[in-house]
Amino acid sequence: MKKITSLLALALIPSLAWAHPGHDGVGLFHHMFDLLPIVAAVILVAGIYIWKKKQ
């Protein structure tokens, strides 16, 4: 549990920074909504690949 908590804390540290001027978002991931369809497609394809590989 301690390792998971440490990894989670390290993963969230970049989100503490303010976005560059011209954006209302907070953190380094303020462009995530622009990339979300691509990320979702990659996750879906990887999930299908792993599922097919196990069968």
PDB file of N, CA and C in Angstrom:
ATOM      1  N   MET A   1       0.827  -1.200   0.000  1.00  0.00           N
ATOM      2  CA  MET A   1       0.000   0.000   0.000  1.00  0.00           C
ATOM      3  C   MET A   1       0.868   1.260   0.000  1.00  0.00           C
ATOM      4  N   LYS A   2       1.982   1.199   0.711  1.00  0.00           N
ATOM      5  CA  LYS A   2       2.869   2.353   0.779  1.00  0.00           C
ATOM      6  C   LYS A   2       3.455   2.666  -0.604  1.00  0.00           C
ATOM      7  N   LYS A   3       3.775   1.612  -1.370  1.00  0.00           N
ATOM      8  CA  LYS A   3       4.332   1.800  -2.703  1.00  0.00           C
ATOM      9  C   LYS A   3       3.289   2.429  -3.633  1.00  0.00           C
ATOM     10  N   ILE A   4       2.058   1.970  -3.541  1.00  0.00           N
ATOM     11  CA  ILE A   4       0.989   2.525  -4.381  1.00  0.00           C
ATOM     12  C   ILE A   4       0.757   3.994  -4.060  1.00  0.00           C
ATOM     13  N   THR A   5       0.763   4.326  -2.787  1.00  0.00           N
ATOM     14  CA  THR A   5       0.567   5.712  -2.373  1.00  0.00           C
ATOM     15  C   THR A   5       1.703   6.601  -2.894  1.00  0.00           C
ATOM     16  N   SER A   6       2.929   6.097  -2.817  1.00  0.00           N
ATOM     17  CA  SER A   6       4.071   6.861  -3.319  1.00  0.00           C
ATOM     18  C   SER A   6       3.986   7.066  -4.827  1.00  0.00           C
ATOM     19  N   LEU A   7       3.623   6.019  -5.567  1.00  0.00           N
ATOM     20  CA  LEU A   7       3.499   6.136  -7.017  1.00  0.00           C
ATOM     21  C   LEU A   7       2.381   7.093  -7.404  1.00  0.00           C
ATOM     22  N   LEU A   8       1.284   7.050  -6.676  1.00  0.00           N
ATOM     23  CA  LEU A   8       0.172   7.949  -6.953  1.00  0.00           C
ATOM     24  C   LEU A   8       0.573   9.402  -6.696  1.00  0.00           C
ATOM     25  N   ALA A   9       1.284   9.638  -5.623  1.00  0.00           N
ATOM     26  CA  ALA A   9       1.745  10.992  -5.307  1.00  0.00           C
ATOM     27  C   ALA A   9       2.689  11.510  -6.394  1.00  0.00           C
ATOM     28  N   LEU A  10       3.603  10.662  -6.861  1.00  0.00           N
ATOM     29  CA  LEU A  10       4.525  11.069  -7.913  1.00  0.00           C
ATOM     30  C   LEU A  10       3.800  11.327  -9.234  1.00  0.00           C
ATOM     31  N   ALA A  11       2.754  10.572  -9.496  1.00  0.00           N
ATOM     32  CA  ALA A  11       1.997  10.760 -10.733  1.00  0.00           C
ATOM     33  C   ALA A  11       1.214  12.066 -10.722  1.00  0.00           C
ATOM     34  N   LEU A  12       0.812  12.528  -9.540  1.00  0.00           N
ATOM     35  CA  LEU A  12      -0.001  13.734  -9.440  1.00  0.00           C
ATOM     36  C   LEU A  12       0.813  15.015  -9.308  1.00  0.00           C
ATOM     37  N   ILE A  13       2.101  14.915  -9.056  1.00  0.00           N
ATOM     38  CA  ILE A  13       2.935  16.102  -8.885  1.00  0.00           C
ATOM     39  C   ILE A  13       2.895  17.020 -10.110  1.00  0.00           C
ATOM     40  N   PRO A  14       2.965  16.501 -11.354  1.00  0.00           N
ATOM     41  CA  PRO A  14       2.909  17.424 -12.504  1.00  0.00           C
ATOM     42  C   PRO A  14       1.613  18.224 -12.587  1.00  0.00           C
ATOM     43  N   SER A  15       0.543  17.716 -12.036  1.00  0.00           N
ATOM     44  CA  SER A  15      -0.733  18.425 -12.120  1.00  0.00           C
ATOM     45  C   SER A  15      -0.788  19.614 -11.162  1.00  0.00           C
ATOM     46  N   LEU A  16       0.233  19.814 -10.367  1.00  0.00           N
ATOM     47  CA  LEU A  16       0.260  20.940  -9.441  1.00  0.00           C
ATOM     48  C   LEU A  16       0.738  22.228 -10.104  1.00  0.00           C
ATOM     49  N   ALA A  17       1.360  22.123 -11.261  1.00  0.00           N
ATOM     50  CA  ALA A  17       1.884  23.302 -11.954  1.00  0.00           C
ATOM     51  C   ALA A  17       0.761  24.019 -12.700  1.00  0.00           C
ATOM     52  N   TRP A  18       0.863  25.328 -12.833  1.00  0.00           N
ATOM     53  CA  TRP A  18      -0.137  26.100 -13.580  1.00  0.00           C
ATOM     54  C   TRP A  18       0.113  25.940 -15.070  1.00  0.00           C
ATOM     55  N   ALA A  19      -0.940  26.009 -15.833  1.00  0.00           N
ATOM     56  CA  ALA A  19      -0.835  25.927 -17.288  1.00  0.00           C
ATOM     57  C   ALA A  19      -0.191  27.205 -17.821  1.00  0.00           C
ATOM     58  N   HIS A  20       0.327  27.126 -19.033  1.00  0.00           N
ATOM     59  CA  HIS A  20       0.939  28.319 -19.617  1.00  0.00           C
ATOM     60  C   HIS A  20      -0.129  29.368 -19.912  1.00  0.00           C
ATOM     61  N   PRO A  21       0.263  30.635 -20.043  1.00  0.00           N
ATOM     62  CA  PRO A  21      -0.705  31.717 -20.246  1.00  0.00           C
ATOM     63  C   PRO A  21      -1.614  31.463 -21.454  1.00  0.00           C
ATOM     64  N   GLY A  22      -2.845  31.888 -21.325  1.00  0.00           N
ATOM     65  CA  GLY A  22      -3.805  31.703 -22.390  1.00  0.00           C
ATOM     66  C   GLY A  22      -4.721  30.514 -22.168  1.00  0.00           C
ATOM     67  N   HIS A  23      -4.466  29.765 -21.107  1.00  0.00           N
ATOM     68  CA  HIS A  23      -5.289  28.603 -20.784  1.00  0.00           C
ATOM     69  C   HIS A  23      -5.879  28.779 -19.381  1.00  0.00           C
ATOM     70  N   ASP A  24      -7.045  28.221 -19.192  1.00  0.00           N
ATOM     71  CA  ASP A  24      -7.641  28.240 -17.861  1.00  0.00           C
ATOM     72  C   ASP A  24      -7.321  26.970 -17.095  1.00  0.00           C
ATOM     73  N   GLY A  25      -6.729  26.005 -17.749  1.00  0.00           N
ATOM     74  CA  GLY A  25      -6.458  24.715 -17.119  1.00  0.00           C
ATOM     75  C   GLY A  25      -5.315  24.783 -16.135  1.00  0.00           C
ATOM     76  N   VAL A  26      -5.308  23.827 -15.244  1.00  0.00           N
ATOM     77  CA  VAL A  26      -4.241  23.716 -14.253  1.00  0.00           C
ATOM     78  C   VAL A  26      -3.452  22.462 -14.563  1.00  0.00           C
ATOM     79  N   GLY A  27      -2.156  22.546 -14.512  1.00  0.00           N
ATOM     80  CA  GLY A  27      -1.322  21.370 -14.644  1.00  0.00           C
ATOM     81  C   GLY A  27      -0.786  21.145 -16.042  1.00  0.00           C
ATOM     82  N   LEU A  28       0.113  20.190 -16.122  1.00  0.00           N
ATOM     83  CA  LEU A  28       0.751  19.877 -17.386  1.00  0.00           C
ATOM     84  C   LEU A  28      -0.178  19.106 -18.321  1.00  0.00           C
ATOM     85  N   PHE A  29      -1.291  18.610 -17.800  1.00  0.00           N
ATOM     86  CA  PHE A  29      -2.196  17.803 -18.601  1.00  0.00           C
ATOM     87  C   PHE A  29      -3.433  18.585 -19.019  1.00  0.00           C
ATOM     88  N   HIS A  30      -3.318  19.915 -19.165  1.00  0.00           N
ATOM     89  CA  HIS A  30      -4.476  20.722 -19.529  1.00  0.00           C
ATOM     90  C   HIS A  30      -4.858  20.542 -20.993  1.00  0.00           C
ATOM     91  N   HIS A  31      -4.037  19.869 -21.770  1.00  0.00           N
ATOM     92  CA  HIS A  31      -4.380  19.554 -23.151  1.00  0.00           C
ATOM     93  C   HIS A  31      -4.969  18.150 -23.280  1.00  0.00           C
ATOM     94  N   MET A  32      -5.240  17.505 -22.173  1.00  0.00           N
ATOM     95  CA  MET A  32      -5.709  16.124 -22.203  1.00  0.00           C
ATOM     96  C   MET A  32      -7.027  15.986 -22.956  1.00  0.00           C
ATOM     97  N   PHE A  33      -7.921  16.979 -22.863  1.00  0.00           N
ATOM     98  CA  PHE A  33      -9.202  16.870 -23.555  1.00  0.00           C
ATOM     99  C   PHE A  33      -9.015  16.915 -25.069  1.00  0.00           C
ATOM    100  N   ASP A  34      -7.941  17.526 -25.539  1.00  0.00           N
ATOM    101  CA  ASP A  34      -7.651  17.526 -26.970  1.00  0.00           C
ATOM    102  C   ASP A  34      -7.170  16.149 -27.424  1.00  0.00           C
ATOM    103  N   LEU A  35      -6.465  15.459 -26.544  1.00  0.00           N
ATOM    104  CA  LEU A  35      -5.879  14.162 -26.882  1.00  0.00           C
ATOM    105  C   LEU A  35      -6.736  12.979 -26.453  1.00  0.00           C
ATOM    106  N   LEU A  36      -7.804  13.229 -25.737  1.00  0.00           N
ATOM    107  CA  LEU A  36      -8.608  12.156 -25.157  1.00  0.00           C
ATOM    108  C   LEU A  36      -9.116  11.139 -26.184  1.00  0.00           C
ATOM    109  N   PRO A  37      -9.615  11.528 -27.357  1.00  0.00           N
ATOM    110  CA  PRO A  37     -10.058  10.507 -28.319  1.00  0.00           C
ATOM    111  C   PRO A  37      -8.929   9.570 -28.763  1.00  0.00           C
ATOM    112  N   ILE A  38      -7.743  10.111 -28.955  1.00  0.00           N
ATOM    113  CA  ILE A  38      -6.607   9.292 -29.367  1.00  0.00           C
ATOM    114  C   ILE A  38      -6.206   8.344 -28.242  1.00  0.00           C
ATOM    115  N   VAL A  39      -6.142   8.858 -27.018  1.00  0.00           N
ATOM    116  CA  VAL A  39      -5.779   8.030 -25.866  1.00  0.00           C
ATOM    117  C   VAL A  39      -6.806   6.912 -25.668  1.00  0.00           C
ATOM    118  N   ALA A  40      -8.084   7.241 -25.805  1.00  0.00           N
ATOM    119  CA  ALA A  40      -9.135   6.231 -25.650  1.00  0.00           C
ATOM    120  C   ALA A  40      -9.013   5.149 -26.722  1.00  0.00           C
ATOM    121  N   ALA A  41      -8.699   5.546 -27.952  1.00  0.00           N
ATOM    122  CA  ALA A  41      -8.538   4.566 -29.030  1.00  0.00           C
ATOM    123  C   ALA A  41      -7.357   3.639 -28.762  1.00  0.00           C
ATOM    124  N   VAL A  42      -6.253   4.188 -28.287  1.00  0.00           N
ATOM    125  CA  VAL A  42      -5.078   3.370 -27.977  1.00  0.00           C
ATOM    126  C   VAL A  42      -5.390   2.387 -26.857  1.00  0.00           C
ATOM    127  N   ILE A  43      -6.079   2.840 -25.827  1.00  0.00           N
ATOM    128  CA  ILE A  43      -6.452   1.959 -24.718  1.00  0.00           C
ATOM    129  C   ILE A  43      -7.380   0.853 -25.210  1.00  0.00           C
ATOM    130  N   LEU A  44      -8.332   1.196 -26.053  1.00  0.00           N
ATOM    131  CA  LEU A  44      -9.267   0.213 -26.590  1.00  0.00           C
ATOM    132  C   LEU A  44      -8.549  -0.835 -27.436  1.00  0.00           C
ATOM    133  N   VAL A  45      -7.681  -0.405 -28.328  1.00  0.00           N
ATOM    134  CA  VAL A  45      -6.941  -1.335 -29.187  1.00  0.00           C
ATOM    135  C   VAL A  45      -6.027  -2.229 -28.346  1.00  0.00           C
ATOM    136  N   ALA A  46      -5.353  -1.656 -27.358  1.00  0.00           N
ATOM    137  CA  ALA A  46      -4.480  -2.454 -26.493  1.00  0.00           C
ATOM    138  C   ALA A  46      -5.289  -3.479 -25.705  1.00  0.00           C
ATOM    139  N   GLY A  47      -6.456  -3.074 -25.205  1.00  0.00           N
ATOM    140  CA  GLY A  47      -7.307  -4.000 -24.465  1.00  0.00           C
ATOM    141  C   GLY A  47      -7.786  -5.153 -25.327  1.00  0.00           C
ATOM    142  N   ILE A  48      -8.195  -4.857 -26.560  1.00  0.00           N
ATOM    143  CA  ILE A  48      -8.631  -5.912 -27.478  1.00  0.00           C
ATOM    144  C   ILE A  48      -7.472  -6.827 -27.819  1.00  0.00           C
ATOM    145  N   TYR A  49      -6.290  -6.274 -28.043  1.00  0.00           N
ATOM    146  CA  TYR A  49      -5.108  -7.076 -28.350  1.00  0.00           C
ATOM    147  C   TYR A  49      -4.778  -8.036 -27.204  1.00  0.00           C
ATOM    148  N   ILE A  50      -4.790  -7.523 -25.994  1.00  0.00           N
ATOM    149  CA  ILE A  50      -4.487  -8.374 -24.829  1.00  0.00           C
ATOM    150  C   ILE A  50      -5.553  -9.447 -24.650  1.00  0.00           C
ATOM    151  N   TRP A  51      -6.811  -9.072 -24.847  1.00  0.00           N
ATOM    152  CA  TRP A  51      -7.911 -10.029 -24.714  1.00  0.00           C
ATOM    153  C   TRP A  51      -7.795 -11.141 -25.760  1.00  0.00           C
ATOM    154  N   LYS A  52      -7.498 -10.791 -27.002  1.00  0.00           N
ATOM    155  CA  LYS A  52      -7.339 -11.792 -28.068  1.00  0.00           C
ATOM    156  C   LYS A  52      -6.120 -12.679 -27.819  1.00  0.00           C
ATOM    157  N   LYS A  53      -5.057 -12.098 -27.291  1.00  0.00           N
ATOM    158  CA  LYS A  53      -3.833 -12.842 -27.033  1.00  0.00           C
ATOM    159  C   LYS A  53      -4.040 -13.906 -25.950  1.00  0.00           C
ATOM    160  N   LYS A  54      -4.876 -13.615 -24.961  1.00  0.00           N
ATOM    161  CA  LYS A  54      -5.134 -14.562 -23.869  1.00  0.00           C
ATOM    162  C   LYS A  54      -6.055 -15.706 -24.287  1.00  0.00           C
ATOM    163  N   GLN A  55      -6.786 -15.525 -25.365  1.00  0.00           N
ATOM    164  CA  GLN A  55      -7.712 -16.589 -25.777  1.00  0.00           C
ATOM    165  C   GLN A  55      -7.053 -17.630 -26.636  1.00  0.00           C
TER     166      GLN A  55
END
